[in-house]
Amino acid sequence: MVNQEQYTIHELAKLAGVSTRTLHFYDEKGLLHSEGRQNNGYRYYTHNSLLRLQQILFLRELRFSLDQVAAILDQPNFDMARTLEVHEQTLQKEIDRLNTLIHTVRKTIQNLKGETSMAPQEYFKGISEEKQKEYEEYIEK
């Protein structure tokens, strides 16, 4: 069952951990519109707004530009459940990578203390080639 509760812009901002200015900006960009206005003239948002804002923030976490976010969310065949499944898979891969990095750091510490030895290739487990390319491009600039 979908919650039909209404949220003011301040309530939605607080729930999402963003500023009201951010929500106004998303409205200006056509990303997130209020569902209407209350009797007092304040904008209100509903459960659909919560889901849309969640998607915007998830996609921003994945480093999509606002234009890319709009293009994704406004596709006629946009499937929120499928998109969330992809988000989950992407996040799980990142968790796995970070866990590998943590293991590498711990093992390196143990190696430095003389508690274990490491094969040369073990020093680089979990280090993302993609991230290294990003860093190289940054350094070159």
Protein backbone atom coordinates (compact mmCIF):
# COMPACT_ATOMS: atom_id res chain seq x y z
CA MET A 1 0.00 0.00 0.00
CA VAL A 2 1.32 3.43 -0.93
CA ASN A 3 1.50 6.06 1.77
CA GLN A 4 -0.60 9.09 0.75
CA GLU A 5 0.91 11.35 3.38
CA GLN A 6 1.80 14.85 2.26
CA TYR A 7 5.11 16.53 3.02
CA THR A 8 6.02 20.19 2.97
CA ILE A 9 9.18 21.22 1.20
CA HIS A 10 10.89 21.60 4.58
CA GLU A 11 9.81 18.11 5.69
CA LEU A 12 10.96 16.54 2.43
CA ALA A 13 14.28 18.37 2.59
CA LYS A 14 14.85 17.18 6.16
CA LEU A 15 13.91 13.58 5.31
CA ALA A 16 16.31 13.52 2.36
CA GLY A 17 19.10 15.49 4.02
CA VAL A 18 19.10 18.19 1.36
CA SER A 19 18.34 21.90 1.49
CA THR A 20 15.06 23.43 0.44
CA ARG A 21 17.12 25.38 -2.09
CA THR A 22 18.17 22.07 -3.64
CA LEU A 23 14.52 21.06 -3.99
CA HIS A 24 13.70 24.43 -5.56
CA PHE A 25 16.63 23.94 -7.95
CA TYR A 26 15.42 20.43 -8.87
CA ASP A 27 12.01 21.96 -9.56
CA GLU A 28 13.55 24.64 -11.78
CA LYS A 29 15.48 21.93 -13.68
CA GLY A 30 12.28 19.91 -14.15
CA LEU A 31 13.56 17.01 -12.07
CA LEU A 32 11.16 17.13 -9.12
CA HIS A 33 7.89 19.00 -9.04
CA SER A 34 5.62 19.38 -6.06
CA GLU A 35 2.37 17.46 -6.31
CA GLY A 36 0.34 20.59 -5.64
CA ARG A 37 -0.29 23.28 -3.10
CA GLN A 38 -1.95 23.10 0.28
CA ASN A 39 -4.68 25.53 1.35
CA ASN A 40 -2.02 27.77 2.90
CA GLY A 41 -0.23 27.99 -0.46
CA TYR A 42 2.71 25.79 0.53
CA ARG A 43 3.90 23.19 -1.94
CA TYR A 44 3.34 19.62 -0.94
CA TYR A 45 5.00 16.39 -1.93
CA THR A 46 3.75 12.80 -1.74
CA HIS A 47 5.16 9.28 -1.68
CA ASN A 48 5.80 9.56 -5.43
CA SER A 49 7.95 12.61 -4.72
CA LEU A 50 9.93 10.64 -2.12
CA LEU A 51 10.63 7.91 -4.66
CA ARG A 52 11.57 10.37 -7.39
CA LEU A 53 13.91 12.28 -5.07
CA GLN A 54 15.46 9.01 -3.91
CA GLN A 55 16.20 8.14 -7.55
CA ILE A 56 17.68 11.58 -8.21
CA LEU A 57 19.95 11.28 -5.19
CA PHE A 58 20.93 7.68 -5.98
CA LEU A 59 21.87 8.63 -9.52
CA ARG A 60 23.83 11.63 -8.25
CA GLU A 61 25.66 9.27 -5.85
CA LEU A 62 26.62 7.27 -8.93
CA ARG A 63 28.03 10.51 -10.38
CA PHE A 64 25.44 11.11 -13.08
CA SER A 65 25.00 14.75 -14.08
CA LEU A 66 21.62 16.38 -13.52
CA ASP A 67 21.00 16.32 -17.27
CA GLN A 68 21.74 12.59 -17.33
CA VAL A 69 19.48 12.05 -14.31
CA ALA A 70 16.63 13.86 -16.06
CA ALA A 71 17.13 11.84 -19.24
CA ILE A 72 17.06 8.56 -17.29
CA LEU A 73 14.06 9.37 -15.12
CA ASP A 74 12.01 10.82 -17.95
CA GLN A 75 12.31 7.82 -20.24
CA PRO A 76 8.82 6.54 -21.07
CA ASN A 77 9.85 2.98 -20.20
CA PHE A 78 11.60 3.92 -16.93
CA ASP A 79 11.24 1.02 -14.50
CA MET A 80 11.93 2.12 -10.94
CA ALA A 81 12.12 -1.41 -9.53
CA ARG A 82 14.64 -2.47 -12.20
CA THR A 83 16.65 0.71 -11.63
CA LEU A 84 16.79 -0.03 -7.90
CA GLU A 85 17.98 -3.56 -8.66
CA VAL A 86 20.81 -2.10 -10.76
CA HIS A 87 21.62 0.38 -7.95
CA GLU A 88 21.82 -2.51 -5.51
CA GLN A 89 24.14 -4.50 -7.80
CA THR A 90 26.38 -1.47 -8.35
CA LEU A 91 26.57 -0.75 -4.63
CA GLN A 92 27.29 -4.40 -3.84
CA LYS A 93 30.19 -4.40 -6.29
CA GLU A 94 31.57 -1.28 -4.61
CA ILE A 95 31.17 -2.90 -1.17
CA ASP A 96 33.05 -5.97 -2.41
CA ARG A 97 35.82 -3.77 -3.83
CA LEU A 98 36.10 -1.78 -0.59
CA ASN A 99 36.18 -4.99 1.46
CA THR A 100 39.04 -6.22 -0.72
CA LEU A 101 40.86 -2.92 -0.17
CA ILE A 102 40.35 -3.21 3.58
CA HIS A 103 41.79 -6.73 3.50
CA THR A 104 44.77 -5.48 1.48
CA VAL A 105 45.42 -2.64 3.93
CA ARG A 106 45.17 -4.99 6.93
CA LYS A 107 47.49 -7.52 5.35
CA THR A 108 49.97 -4.76 4.43
CA ILE A 109 49.96 -3.57 8.06
CA GLN A 110 50.60 -7.13 9.23
CA ASN A 111 53.38 -7.40 6.65
CA LEU A 112 55.00 -4.18 7.86
CA LYS A 113 54.90 -5.51 11.43
CA GLY A 114 56.53 -8.74 10.30
CA GLU A 115 53.47 -10.83 11.11
CA THR A 116 52.91 -12.10 7.56
CA SER A 117 54.41 -11.98 4.10
CA MET A 118 52.82 -10.83 0.88
CA ALA A 119 53.25 -11.75 -2.75
CA PRO A 120 53.96 -8.68 -4.93
CA GLN A 121 50.54 -8.79 -6.62
CA GLU A 122 48.77 -8.79 -3.23
CA TYR A 123 49.80 -5.18 -2.64
CA PHE A 124 47.40 -4.07 -5.38
CA LYS A 125 44.30 -6.18 -4.73
CA GLY A 126 41.13 -4.13 -4.85
CA ILE A 127 42.71 -1.08 -6.44
CA SER A 128 40.44 -0.07 -9.29
CA GLU A 129 42.10 0.48 -12.66
CA GLU A 130 39.21 2.78 -13.55
CA LYS A 131 39.80 4.94 -10.49
CA GLN A 132 43.53 5.05 -11.23
CA LYS A 133 42.76 6.33 -14.75
CA GLU A 134 40.58 9.05 -13.21
CA TYR A 135 43.44 10.05 -10.90
CA GLU A 136 45.90 10.07 -13.80
CA GLU A 137 43.61 12.36 -15.81
CA TYR A 138 43.28 14.64 -12.79
CA ILE A 139 47.06 14.76 -12.31
CA GLU A 140 47.61 15.52 -15.99
CA LYS A 141 45.25 18.50 -15.76
